[in-house]
Amino acid sequence: MGIDPGLNTTGYGVIRVSRGQFQLIEAGIVRSKAKASIEERLMEIHTGVTEVLQQHKPDFLALEQLFSHYSRPKTAILMGHARGVICLAAGTAGIAVKSFEPTKVKKVMTGNGHAPKHQIQLAVKLQLNLAEVPEPADVADALAIAVCGFHLSHNPLLA
């Protein structure tokens, strides 16, 4: 399972890998109410992620690593809150969390660590043999994190 954490929109993607073939099981978003308090928003994320974890019981959870741009430190702090409740949900469920830097995910998926969103969406479509590119981008990113998590966990040369 892969998760693209966000305070407003958290994307998730559950995949199965059998004989080297990827299969999409479920993908979607957990959305929090923008005008709700931080406590309520974090509870919504925790509750939504917990439900997905309980339903699918993944082997591990691949999570986007926290990154920060110097011009937007508040965004990094808010994303850290979201990551925290996601890690709590996984820990409570007994599911290991593996974190991956966004540039590493992009590099594994496209060969370019700075690939734009549309390239990630296309790479996910091809890897999972989907009819359409996954929307919204949060879902595509979560699925890319899941696929990358599988590749990096099973091929140490990529890590």
C-alpha atoms as a PDB file:
ATOM      1  CA  MET A   1       0.000   0.000   0.000  1.00  0.00           C
ATOM      2  CA  GLY A   2       1.203   3.497  -0.805  1.00  0.00           C
ATOM      3  CA  ILE A   3       0.132   6.801   0.726  1.00  0.00           C
ATOM      4  CA  ASP A   4       0.694  10.359  -0.457  1.00  0.00           C
ATOM      5  CA  PRO A   5       0.080  12.308   2.758  1.00  0.00           C
ATOM      6  CA  GLY A   6      -1.581  15.679   2.869  1.00  0.00           C
ATOM      7  CA  LEU A   7      -3.645  17.624   5.347  1.00  0.00           C
ATOM      8  CA  ASN A   8      -6.362  18.435   2.802  1.00  0.00           C
ATOM      9  CA  THR A   9      -6.139  15.360   0.591  1.00  0.00           C
ATOM     10  CA  THR A  10      -4.352  12.114   1.367  1.00  0.00           C
ATOM     11  CA  GLY A  11      -4.089   9.762  -1.575  1.00  0.00           C
ATOM     12  CA  TYR A  12      -3.865   6.008  -1.078  1.00  0.00           C
ATOM     13  CA  GLY A  13      -3.337   3.046  -3.347  1.00  0.00           C
ATOM     14  CA  VAL A  14      -3.476  -0.660  -2.607  1.00  0.00           C
ATOM     15  CA  ILE A  15      -1.780  -2.995  -5.064  1.00  0.00           C
ATOM     16  CA  ARG A  16      -1.095  -6.704  -5.292  1.00  0.00           C
ATOM     17  CA  VAL A  17       1.961  -8.146  -6.980  1.00  0.00           C
ATOM     18  CA  SER A  18       1.834 -11.690  -8.301  1.00  0.00           C
ATOM     19  CA  ARG A  19       4.534 -13.205 -10.505  1.00  0.00           C
ATOM     20  CA  GLY A  20       5.924  -9.762 -11.223  1.00  0.00           C
ATOM     21  CA  GLN A  21       2.562  -8.409 -12.379  1.00  0.00           C
ATOM     22  CA  PHE A  22       0.993  -5.444 -10.600  1.00  0.00           C
ATOM     23  CA  GLN A  23      -2.728  -5.331  -9.962  1.00  0.00           C
ATOM     24  CA  LEU A  24      -4.717  -2.392  -8.632  1.00  0.00           C
ATOM     25  CA  ILE A  25      -6.881  -3.441  -5.683  1.00  0.00           C
ATOM     26  CA  GLU A  26      -8.226  -0.077  -4.539  1.00  0.00           C
ATOM     27  CA  ALA A  27      -7.237   3.569  -4.746  1.00  0.00           C
ATOM     28  CA  GLY A  28      -8.803   6.753  -3.491  1.00  0.00           C
ATOM     29  CA  ILE A  29      -8.469   9.750  -1.260  1.00  0.00           C
ATOM     30  CA  VAL A  30      -9.116  10.602   2.341  1.00  0.00           C
ATOM     31  CA  ARG A  31     -10.240  14.204   2.502  1.00  0.00           C
ATOM     32  CA  SER A  32     -10.442  16.438   5.537  1.00  0.00           C
ATOM     33  CA  LYS A  33     -12.693  19.450   5.884  1.00  0.00           C
ATOM     34  CA  ALA A  34     -10.642  22.570   5.149  1.00  0.00           C
ATOM     35  CA  LYS A  35     -12.487  24.687   7.713  1.00  0.00           C
ATOM     36  CA  ALA A  36     -12.314  22.121  10.512  1.00  0.00           C
ATOM     37  CA  SER A  37      -9.826  22.394  13.366  1.00  0.00           C
ATOM     38  CA  ILE A  38      -6.446  20.730  13.006  1.00  0.00           C
ATOM     39  CA  GLU A  39      -7.535  18.104  15.533  1.00  0.00           C
ATOM     40  CA  GLU A  40     -10.652  17.220  13.536  1.00  0.00           C
ATOM     41  CA  ARG A  41      -8.726  17.108  10.274  1.00  0.00           C
ATOM     42  CA  LEU A  42      -6.103  14.779  11.701  1.00  0.00           C
ATOM     43  CA  MET A  43      -8.818  12.542  13.149  1.00  0.00           C
ATOM     44  CA  GLU A  44     -10.477  12.321   9.717  1.00  0.00           C
ATOM     45  CA  ILE A  45      -7.178  11.291   8.117  1.00  0.00           C
ATOM     46  CA  HIS A  46      -6.450   8.773  10.872  1.00  0.00           C
ATOM     47  CA  THR A  47      -9.945   7.280  10.676  1.00  0.00           C
ATOM     48  CA  GLY A  48      -9.884   7.027   6.865  1.00  0.00           C
ATOM     49  CA  VAL A  49      -6.440   5.447   6.717  1.00  0.00           C
ATOM     50  CA  THR A  50      -7.299   3.067   9.556  1.00  0.00           C
ATOM     51  CA  GLU A  51     -10.371   1.855   7.640  1.00  0.00           C
ATOM     52  CA  VAL A  52      -8.300   1.124   4.522  1.00  0.00           C
ATOM     53  CA  LEU A  53      -5.618  -0.662   6.564  1.00  0.00           C
ATOM     54  CA  GLN A  54      -8.204  -2.799   8.358  1.00  0.00           C
ATOM     55  CA  GLN A  55      -9.953  -3.695   5.110  1.00  0.00           C
ATOM     56  CA  HIS A  56      -6.840  -4.631   3.096  1.00  0.00           C
ATOM     57  CA  LYS A  57      -4.204  -5.580   5.701  1.00  0.00           C
ATOM     58  CA  PRO A  58      -1.212  -4.717   3.490  1.00  0.00           C
ATOM     59  CA  ASP A  59       2.216  -6.291   4.004  1.00  0.00           C
ATOM     60  CA  PHE A  60       3.704  -2.821   4.465  1.00  0.00           C
ATOM     61  CA  LEU A  61       2.845   0.801   3.987  1.00  0.00           C
ATOM     62  CA  ALA A  62       5.027   2.873   1.655  1.00  0.00           C
ATOM     63  CA  LEU A  63       4.827   6.534   2.620  1.00  0.00           C
ATOM     64  CA  GLU A  64       6.193   9.647   1.005  1.00  0.00           C
ATOM     65  CA  GLN A  65       9.116  10.981   3.036  1.00  0.00           C
ATOM     66  CA  LEU A  66       8.744  14.449   4.473  1.00  0.00           C
ATOM     67  CA  PHE A  67      10.468  17.118   2.433  1.00  0.00           C
ATOM     68  CA  SER A  68      10.582  20.842   2.857  1.00  0.00           C
ATOM     69  CA  HIS A  69      11.084  23.759   0.558  1.00  0.00           C
ATOM     70  CA  TYR A  70      12.631  26.750   2.282  1.00  0.00           C
ATOM     71  CA  SER A  71       9.885  29.056   1.032  1.00  0.00           C
ATOM     72  CA  ARG A  72       7.072  26.910   2.509  1.00  0.00           C
ATOM     73  CA  PRO A  73       8.030  25.592   5.960  1.00  0.00           C
ATOM     74  CA  LYS A  74       4.409  25.667   7.137  1.00  0.00           C
ATOM     75  CA  THR A  75       3.465  23.157   4.429  1.00  0.00           C
ATOM     76  CA  ALA A  76       6.153  20.774   5.697  1.00  0.00           C
ATOM     77  CA  ILE A  77       4.892  21.103   9.262  1.00  0.00           C
ATOM     78  CA  LEU A  78       1.291  20.366   8.228  1.00  0.00           C
ATOM     79  CA  MET A  79       2.414  17.409   6.115  1.00  0.00           C
ATOM     80  CA  GLY A  80       4.360  16.174   9.152  1.00  0.00           C
ATOM     81  CA  HIS A  81       1.145  16.163  11.187  1.00  0.00           C
ATOM     82  CA  ALA A  82      -0.585  14.099   8.484  1.00  0.00           C
ATOM     83  CA  ARG A  83       2.365  11.685   8.274  1.00  0.00           C
ATOM     84  CA  GLY A  84       2.274  11.309  12.057  1.00  0.00           C
ATOM     85  CA  VAL A  85      -1.332  10.136  12.216  1.00  0.00           C
ATOM     86  CA  ILE A  86      -0.759   7.855   9.215  1.00  0.00           C
ATOM     87  CA  CYS A  87       2.236   6.277  10.981  1.00  0.00           C
ATOM     88  CA  LEU A  88       0.135   5.952  14.138  1.00  0.00           C
ATOM     89  CA  ALA A  89      -2.610   4.143  12.191  1.00  0.00           C
ATOM     90  CA  ALA A  90      -0.048   1.761  10.680  1.00  0.00           C
ATOM     91  CA  GLY A  91       1.672   1.174  14.016  1.00  0.00           C
ATOM     92  CA  THR A  92      -1.636   0.447  15.734  1.00  0.00           C
ATOM     93  CA  ALA A  93      -2.432  -2.083  12.974  1.00  0.00           C
ATOM     94  CA  GLY A  94       1.015  -3.679  13.266  1.00  0.00           C
ATOM     95  CA  ILE A  95       1.988  -2.679   9.726  1.00  0.00           C
ATOM     96  CA  ALA A  96       5.571  -1.635   8.960  1.00  0.00           C
ATOM     97  CA  VAL A  97       6.087   1.792   7.383  1.00  0.00           C
ATOM     98  CA  LYS A  98       8.769   2.421   4.771  1.00  0.00           C
ATOM     99  CA  SER A  99       9.422   6.018   3.723  1.00  0.00           C
ATOM    100  CA  PHE A 100      10.616   7.093   0.289  1.00  0.00           C
ATOM    101  CA  GLU A 101      11.778  10.478  -0.955  1.00  0.00           C
ATOM    102  CA  PRO A 102       9.646  11.946  -3.758  1.00  0.00           C
ATOM    103  CA  THR A 103      12.687  12.203  -6.059  1.00  0.00           C
ATOM    104  CA  LYS A 104      13.463   8.496  -5.491  1.00  0.00           C
ATOM    105  CA  VAL A 105       9.875   7.522  -6.346  1.00  0.00           C
ATOM    106  CA  LYS A 106      10.009   9.610  -9.527  1.00  0.00           C
ATOM    107  CA  LYS A 107      13.410   8.153 -10.475  1.00  0.00           C
ATOM    108  CA  VAL A 108      12.232   4.550 -10.003  1.00  0.00           C
ATOM    109  CA  MET A 109       8.976   5.178 -11.891  1.00  0.00           C
ATOM    110  CA  THR A 110      10.255   7.284 -14.815  1.00  0.00           C
ATOM    111  CA  GLY A 111      14.046   7.351 -14.715  1.00  0.00           C
ATOM    112  CA  ASN A 112      13.863  11.077 -13.893  1.00  0.00           C
ATOM    113  CA  GLY A 113      13.945  12.215 -10.269  1.00  0.00           C
ATOM    114  CA  HIS A 114      12.260  15.481 -11.233  1.00  0.00           C
ATOM    115  CA  ALA A 115       9.503  14.096 -13.467  1.00  0.00           C
ATOM    116  CA  PRO A 116       6.311  16.177 -13.663  1.00  0.00           C
ATOM    117  CA  LYS A 117       2.951  14.912 -12.380  1.00  0.00           C
ATOM    118  CA  HIS A 118       1.672  13.838 -15.805  1.00  0.00           C
ATOM    119  CA  GLN A 119       4.710  11.567 -16.309  1.00  0.00           C
ATOM    120  CA  ILE A 120       4.077   9.906 -12.946  1.00  0.00           C
ATOM    121  CA  GLN A 121       0.415   9.397 -13.857  1.00  0.00           C
ATOM    122  CA  LEU A 122       1.395   7.833 -17.195  1.00  0.00           C
ATOM    123  CA  ALA A 123       4.029   5.594 -15.561  1.00  0.00           C
ATOM    124  CA  VAL A 124       1.451   4.374 -13.016  1.00  0.00           C
ATOM    125  CA  LYS A 125      -1.075   3.723 -15.806  1.00  0.00           C
ATOM    126  CA  LEU A 126       1.497   1.603 -17.653  1.00  0.00           C
ATOM    127  CA  GLN A 127       2.828  -0.264 -14.570  1.00  0.00           C
ATOM    128  CA  LEU A 128      -0.679  -1.171 -13.395  1.00  0.00           C
ATOM    129  CA  ASN A 129      -2.061  -1.727 -16.916  1.00  0.00           C
ATOM    130  CA  LEU A 130      -4.906   0.752 -16.352  1.00  0.00           C
ATOM    131  CA  ALA A 131      -7.274   2.010 -19.041  1.00  0.00           C
ATOM    132  CA  GLU A 132      -6.880   5.639 -17.895  1.00  0.00           C
ATOM    133  CA  VAL A 133      -4.342   7.645 -15.946  1.00  0.00           C
ATOM    134  CA  PRO A 134      -5.280   7.694 -12.263  1.00  0.00           C
ATOM    135  CA  GLU A 135      -6.946  10.874 -11.023  1.00  0.00           C
ATOM    136  CA  PRO A 136      -6.529  12.953  -8.979  1.00  0.00           C
ATOM    137  CA  ALA A 137      -2.741  13.313  -8.898  1.00  0.00           C
ATOM    138  CA  ASP A 138      -2.753  12.387  -5.171  1.00  0.00           C
ATOM    139  CA  VAL A 139      -3.989   8.899  -6.105  1.00  0.00           C
ATOM    140  CA  ALA A 140      -1.388   8.541  -8.870  1.00  0.00           C
ATOM    141  CA  ASP A 141       1.335   9.600  -6.434  1.00  0.00           C
ATOM    142  CA  ALA A 142       0.135   7.085  -3.827  1.00  0.00           C
ATOM    143  CA  LEU A 143       0.138   4.298  -6.405  1.00  0.00           C
ATOM    144  CA  ALA A 144       3.617   5.342  -7.573  1.00  0.00           C
ATOM    145  CA  ILE A 145       4.806   5.191  -3.950  1.00  0.00           C
ATOM    146  CA  ALA A 146       3.298   1.689  -3.614  1.00  0.00           C
ATOM    147  CA  VAL A 147       4.950   0.442  -6.816  1.00  0.00           C
ATOM    148  CA  CYS A 148       8.257   2.067  -5.877  1.00  0.00           C
ATOM    149  CA  GLY A 149       8.016   0.578  -2.386  1.00  0.00           C
ATOM    150  CA  PHE A 150       7.635  -2.884  -3.873  1.00  0.00           C
ATOM    151  CA  HIS A 151      10.554  -2.430  -6.305  1.00  0.00           C
ATOM    152  CA  LEU A 152      12.905  -1.020  -3.661  1.00  0.00           C
ATOM    153  CA  SER A 153      11.952  -3.697  -1.117  1.00  0.00           C
ATOM    154  CA  HIS A 154      12.586  -6.509  -3.589  1.00  0.00           C
ATOM    155  CA  ASN A 155      15.589  -5.152  -5.490  1.00  0.00           C
ATOM    156  CA  PRO A 156      18.377  -3.819  -3.246  1.00  0.00           C
ATOM    157  CA  LEU A 157      20.287  -2.555  -6.283  1.00  0.00           C
ATOM    158  CA  LEU A 158      17.636   0.133  -6.828  1.00  0.00           C
ATOM    159  CA  ALA A 159      17.786   1.447  -3.255  1.00  0.00           C
END
